[in-house]
Amino acid sequence: MAGGVMVAIDESECSLYALQWTVENLRQAASPLIIFTAQPIADLSYIPAATYGSARMFTSMSAPPELVRSLQEHRKKVSLALLDHAKEICTKNGLTDVETMMEVGDAKEAICEAAEKHQVKLLVLGSHGKGALQRAFLGSVSNYCVHHAKCPVLIVKN
């Protein structure tokens, strides 16, 4: 699917608000609408040693493969449920030309890559409302996308 509008969502209230805003305000331009979420890669390089039945401390030991698989399967289920919920929001508002997508990876990079790959005309993101200090240390997905996406980016504030 090429063109249209892509809304990138996560489990946050602000991203679902951005989706709702898009459906209500950009109904004509949002066809087709792509709803995108990024499933984070499991980082188990440092896990609580208590997971292995020892004292509460952190260790750099490798996580067992079954733990990694289990965690990734759980994250996949959460992401798929999120996309289903987002599609329901669209359907309830009469928008039926909707496609959902999920990629595994760092959210900010995955969003920009998907927007470019699908040649979207507009990328919509919710604002998490991080302060300047949080953005400096944690980074901002929306800030990254504004500077790296190859299409216009709309940030919807809650």
C-alpha atoms as a PDB file:
ATOM      1  CA  MET A   1       0.000   0.000   0.000  1.00  0.00           C
ATOM      2  CA  ALA A   2       1.523   3.315  -1.037  1.00  0.00           C
ATOM      3  CA  GLY A   3       0.486   6.831  -0.114  1.00  0.00           C
ATOM      4  CA  GLY A   4      -2.055   7.840   2.457  1.00  0.00           C
ATOM      5  CA  VAL A   5      -1.429   8.539   6.106  1.00  0.00           C
ATOM      6  CA  MET A   6       0.485   6.441   8.605  1.00  0.00           C
ATOM      7  CA  VAL A   7      -0.201   6.706  12.335  1.00  0.00           C
ATOM      8  CA  ALA A   8       2.493   5.197  14.558  1.00  0.00           C
ATOM      9  CA  ILE A   9       1.126   3.919  17.867  1.00  0.00           C
ATOM     10  CA  ASP A  10       2.295   2.289  21.065  1.00  0.00           C
ATOM     11  CA  GLU A  11       0.466   1.397  24.294  1.00  0.00           C
ATOM     12  CA  SER A  12       0.368   5.023  25.442  1.00  0.00           C
ATOM     13  CA  GLU A  13      -2.785   7.051  25.727  1.00  0.00           C
ATOM     14  CA  CYS A  14      -1.245   9.862  23.664  1.00  0.00           C
ATOM     15  CA  SER A  15      -0.665   7.646  20.631  1.00  0.00           C
ATOM     16  CA  LEU A  16      -4.241   6.351  20.699  1.00  0.00           C
ATOM     17  CA  TYR A  17      -5.391   9.966  21.010  1.00  0.00           C
ATOM     18  CA  ALA A  18      -3.340  10.773  17.890  1.00  0.00           C
ATOM     19  CA  LEU A  19      -5.085   7.929  16.061  1.00  0.00           C
ATOM     20  CA  GLN A  20      -8.514   9.162  17.175  1.00  0.00           C
ATOM     21  CA  TRP A  21      -7.599  12.721  16.160  1.00  0.00           C
ATOM     22  CA  THR A  22      -6.461  11.515  12.747  1.00  0.00           C
ATOM     23  CA  VAL A  23      -9.653   9.545  12.166  1.00  0.00           C
ATOM     24  CA  GLU A  24     -11.817  12.523  13.174  1.00  0.00           C
ATOM     25  CA  ASN A  25      -9.878  15.303  11.435  1.00  0.00           C
ATOM     26  CA  LEU A  26      -8.165  13.739   8.448  1.00  0.00           C
ATOM     27  CA  ARG A  27     -10.854  11.274   7.391  1.00  0.00           C
ATOM     28  CA  GLN A  28     -10.620  12.175   3.677  1.00  0.00           C
ATOM     29  CA  ALA A  29      -6.827  12.410   3.540  1.00  0.00           C
ATOM     30  CA  ALA A  30      -6.343   9.308   5.692  1.00  0.00           C
ATOM     31  CA  SER A  31      -7.444   6.886   3.032  1.00  0.00           C
ATOM     32  CA  PRO A  32      -5.693   4.560   2.977  1.00  0.00           C
ATOM     33  CA  LEU A  33      -4.714   4.680   6.639  1.00  0.00           C
ATOM     34  CA  ILE A  34      -1.751   2.663   7.838  1.00  0.00           C
ATOM     35  CA  ILE A  35      -1.573   1.961  11.566  1.00  0.00           C
ATOM     36  CA  PHE A  36       1.959   1.008  12.534  1.00  0.00           C
ATOM     37  CA  THR A  37       3.558  -0.239  15.724  1.00  0.00           C
ATOM     38  CA  ALA A  38       7.105  -1.318  16.500  1.00  0.00           C
ATOM     39  CA  GLN A  39       7.696  -4.348  18.672  1.00  0.00           C
ATOM     40  CA  PRO A  40      10.853  -3.710  20.729  1.00  0.00           C
ATOM     41  CA  ILE A  41      13.686  -6.214  20.594  1.00  0.00           C
ATOM     42  CA  ALA A  42      14.111  -8.069  23.865  1.00  0.00           C
ATOM     43  CA  ASP A  43      17.206  -6.794  25.635  1.00  0.00           C
ATOM     44  CA  LEU A  44      18.061  -9.338  28.290  1.00  0.00           C
ATOM     45  CA  SER A  45      21.734  -8.526  28.632  1.00  0.00           C
ATOM     46  CA  TYR A  46      21.104  -7.454  32.231  1.00  0.00           C
ATOM     47  CA  ILE A  47      18.334  -9.273  34.031  1.00  0.00           C
ATOM     48  CA  PRO A  48      17.619  -9.638  37.737  1.00  0.00           C
ATOM     49  CA  ALA A  49      19.545 -12.580  39.121  1.00  0.00           C
ATOM     50  CA  ALA A  50      16.450 -13.315  41.243  1.00  0.00           C
ATOM     51  CA  THR A  51      14.967 -14.656  38.011  1.00  0.00           C
ATOM     52  CA  TYR A  52      17.370 -17.543  38.462  1.00  0.00           C
ATOM     53  CA  GLY A  53      16.499 -18.038  42.142  1.00  0.00           C
ATOM     54  CA  SER A  54      19.419 -16.168  43.702  1.00  0.00           C
ATOM     55  CA  ALA A  55      19.729 -12.942  45.678  1.00  0.00           C
ATOM     56  CA  ARG A  56      18.238  -9.740  44.255  1.00  0.00           C
ATOM     57  CA  MET A  57      21.074  -8.371  42.151  1.00  0.00           C
ATOM     58  CA  PHE A  58      21.728  -7.810  38.503  1.00  0.00           C
ATOM     59  CA  THR A  59      23.866 -10.070  36.402  1.00  0.00           C
ATOM     60  CA  SER A  60      25.180 -10.019  32.865  1.00  0.00           C
ATOM     61  CA  MET A  61      24.708 -13.745  32.348  1.00  0.00           C
ATOM     62  CA  SER A  62      22.987 -14.794  29.142  1.00  0.00           C
ATOM     63  CA  ALA A  63      19.258 -15.352  29.362  1.00  0.00           C
ATOM     64  CA  PRO A  64      18.076 -18.841  28.457  1.00  0.00           C
ATOM     65  CA  PRO A  65      16.735 -19.001  24.881  1.00  0.00           C
ATOM     66  CA  GLU A  66      13.293 -20.118  26.129  1.00  0.00           C
ATOM     67  CA  LEU A  67      13.036 -16.950  28.253  1.00  0.00           C
ATOM     68  CA  VAL A  68      13.906 -14.771  25.266  1.00  0.00           C
ATOM     69  CA  ARG A  69      11.358 -16.594  23.063  1.00  0.00           C
ATOM     70  CA  SER A  70       8.686 -16.326  25.737  1.00  0.00           C
ATOM     71  CA  LEU A  71       9.270 -12.597  26.211  1.00  0.00           C
ATOM     72  CA  GLN A  72       9.216 -11.924  22.465  1.00  0.00           C
ATOM     73  CA  GLU A  73       6.020 -13.956  22.030  1.00  0.00           C
ATOM     74  CA  HIS A  74       4.395 -11.947  24.831  1.00  0.00           C
ATOM     75  CA  ARG A  75       5.455  -8.657  23.231  1.00  0.00           C
ATOM     76  CA  LYS A  76       4.098  -9.846  19.887  1.00  0.00           C
ATOM     77  CA  LYS A  77       0.711 -10.660  21.457  1.00  0.00           C
ATOM     78  CA  VAL A  78       0.595  -7.228  23.104  1.00  0.00           C
ATOM     79  CA  SER A  79       1.445  -5.520  19.793  1.00  0.00           C
ATOM     80  CA  LEU A  80      -1.183  -7.499  17.863  1.00  0.00           C
ATOM     81  CA  ALA A  81      -3.837  -6.717  20.498  1.00  0.00           C
ATOM     82  CA  LEU A  82      -2.895  -3.036  20.260  1.00  0.00           C
ATOM     83  CA  LEU A  83      -3.314  -3.086  16.467  1.00  0.00           C
ATOM     84  CA  ASP A  84      -6.686  -4.840  16.798  1.00  0.00           C
ATOM     85  CA  HIS A  85      -7.842  -2.168  19.246  1.00  0.00           C
ATOM     86  CA  ALA A  86      -6.662   0.579  16.885  1.00  0.00           C
ATOM     87  CA  LYS A  87      -8.532  -0.994  13.983  1.00  0.00           C
ATOM     88  CA  GLU A  88     -11.694  -1.107  16.122  1.00  0.00           C
ATOM     89  CA  ILE A  89     -11.343   2.636  16.773  1.00  0.00           C
ATOM     90  CA  CYS A  90     -11.249   3.224  13.019  1.00  0.00           C
ATOM     91  CA  THR A  91     -14.193   0.931  12.309  1.00  0.00           C
ATOM     92  CA  LYS A  92     -16.333   2.588  15.012  1.00  0.00           C
ATOM     93  CA  ASN A  93     -15.631   5.921  13.313  1.00  0.00           C
ATOM     94  CA  GLY A  94     -16.546   4.655   9.850  1.00  0.00           C
ATOM     95  CA  LEU A  95     -13.031   4.384   8.443  1.00  0.00           C
ATOM     96  CA  THR A  96     -12.625   1.032   6.739  1.00  0.00           C
ATOM     97  CA  ASP A  97      -9.675   1.519   4.377  1.00  0.00           C
ATOM     98  CA  VAL A  98      -7.171   0.598   7.098  1.00  0.00           C
ATOM     99  CA  GLU A  99      -4.071  -1.577   7.118  1.00  0.00           C
ATOM    100  CA  THR A 100      -2.146  -2.554  10.238  1.00  0.00           C
ATOM    101  CA  MET A 101       1.586  -3.240  10.326  1.00  0.00           C
ATOM    102  CA  MET A 102       4.100  -4.325  12.909  1.00  0.00           C
ATOM    103  CA  GLU A 103       7.884  -4.421  12.694  1.00  0.00           C
ATOM    104  CA  VAL A 104      10.417  -5.601  15.238  1.00  0.00           C
ATOM    105  CA  GLY A 105      13.067  -3.058  16.168  1.00  0.00           C
ATOM    106  CA  ASP A 106      13.803   0.326  17.618  1.00  0.00           C
ATOM    107  CA  ALA A 107      10.593   2.368  17.309  1.00  0.00           C
ATOM    108  CA  LYS A 108      12.047   5.572  15.884  1.00  0.00           C
ATOM    109  CA  GLU A 109      14.042   3.828  13.170  1.00  0.00           C
ATOM    110  CA  ALA A 110      11.282   1.327  12.345  1.00  0.00           C
ATOM    111  CA  ILE A 111       8.721   4.137  11.973  1.00  0.00           C
ATOM    112  CA  CYS A 112      10.892   6.130   9.562  1.00  0.00           C
ATOM    113  CA  GLU A 113      11.788   3.046   7.534  1.00  0.00           C
ATOM    114  CA  ALA A 114       8.127   1.977   7.250  1.00  0.00           C
ATOM    115  CA  ALA A 115       7.031   5.486   6.238  1.00  0.00           C
ATOM    116  CA  GLU A 116       9.638   5.540   3.491  1.00  0.00           C
ATOM    117  CA  LYS A 117       8.970   1.968   2.359  1.00  0.00           C
ATOM    118  CA  HIS A 118       5.227   2.617   2.008  1.00  0.00           C
ATOM    119  CA  GLN A 119       5.699   6.107   0.572  1.00  0.00           C
ATOM    120  CA  VAL A 120       3.256   7.678   3.019  1.00  0.00           C
ATOM    121  CA  LYS A 121       2.192  11.264   2.420  1.00  0.00           C
ATOM    122  CA  LEU A 122       1.906  12.103   6.131  1.00  0.00           C
ATOM    123  CA  LEU A 123       3.242  10.506   9.305  1.00  0.00           C
ATOM    124  CA  VAL A 124       1.207  11.133  12.474  1.00  0.00           C
ATOM    125  CA  LEU A 125       2.597  10.611  15.974  1.00  0.00           C
ATOM    126  CA  GLY A 126       1.333  11.346  19.459  1.00  0.00           C
ATOM    127  CA  SER A 127       3.383  13.489  21.797  1.00  0.00           C
ATOM    128  CA  HIS A 128       4.407  11.805  25.041  1.00  0.00           C
ATOM    129  CA  GLY A 129       4.871  15.208  26.648  1.00  0.00           C
ATOM    130  CA  LYS A 130       8.413  14.550  27.848  1.00  0.00           C
ATOM    131  CA  GLY A 131      10.209  17.527  29.314  1.00  0.00           C
ATOM    132  CA  ALA A 132      13.491  18.830  27.944  1.00  0.00           C
ATOM    133  CA  LEU A 133      15.531  16.852  30.470  1.00  0.00           C
ATOM    134  CA  GLN A 134      13.797  13.551  29.662  1.00  0.00           C
ATOM    135  CA  ARG A 135      14.225  14.162  25.936  1.00  0.00           C
ATOM    136  CA  ALA A 136      17.931  14.899  26.453  1.00  0.00           C
ATOM    137  CA  PHE A 137      18.574  11.622  28.284  1.00  0.00           C
ATOM    138  CA  LEU A 138      15.984   9.301  26.771  1.00  0.00           C
ATOM    139  CA  GLY A 139      15.561  10.796  23.327  1.00  0.00           C
ATOM    140  CA  SER A 140      12.262  11.398  21.640  1.00  0.00           C
ATOM    141  CA  VAL A 141      10.713   9.207  18.978  1.00  0.00           C
ATOM    142  CA  SER A 142       8.741  12.124  17.587  1.00  0.00           C
ATOM    143  CA  ASN A 143      11.822  14.373  17.518  1.00  0.00           C
ATOM    144  CA  TYR A 144      13.806  11.691  15.694  1.00  0.00           C
ATOM    145  CA  CYS A 145      11.009  11.197  13.152  1.00  0.00           C
ATOM    146  CA  VAL A 146      10.663  14.935  12.530  1.00  0.00           C
ATOM    147  CA  HIS A 147      14.348  15.054  11.600  1.00  0.00           C
ATOM    148  CA  HIS A 148      14.699  11.729   9.761  1.00  0.00           C
ATOM    149  CA  ALA A 149      11.379  10.881   8.077  1.00  0.00           C
ATOM    150  CA  LYS A 150      11.248  11.607   4.363  1.00  0.00           C
ATOM    151  CA  CYS A 151       7.651  12.842   4.544  1.00  0.00           C
ATOM    152  CA  PRO A 152       5.783  15.518   6.517  1.00  0.00           C
ATOM    153  CA  VAL A 153       5.318  14.658  10.199  1.00  0.00           C
ATOM    154  CA  LEU A 154       2.374  15.775  12.316  1.00  0.00           C
ATOM    155  CA  ILE A 155       2.732  15.627  16.113  1.00  0.00           C
ATOM    156  CA  VAL A 156      -0.646  15.492  17.873  1.00  0.00           C
ATOM    157  CA  LYS A 157      -0.523  16.877  21.402  1.00  0.00           C
ATOM    158  CA  ASN A 158      -2.928  15.556  23.993  1.00  0.00           C
END
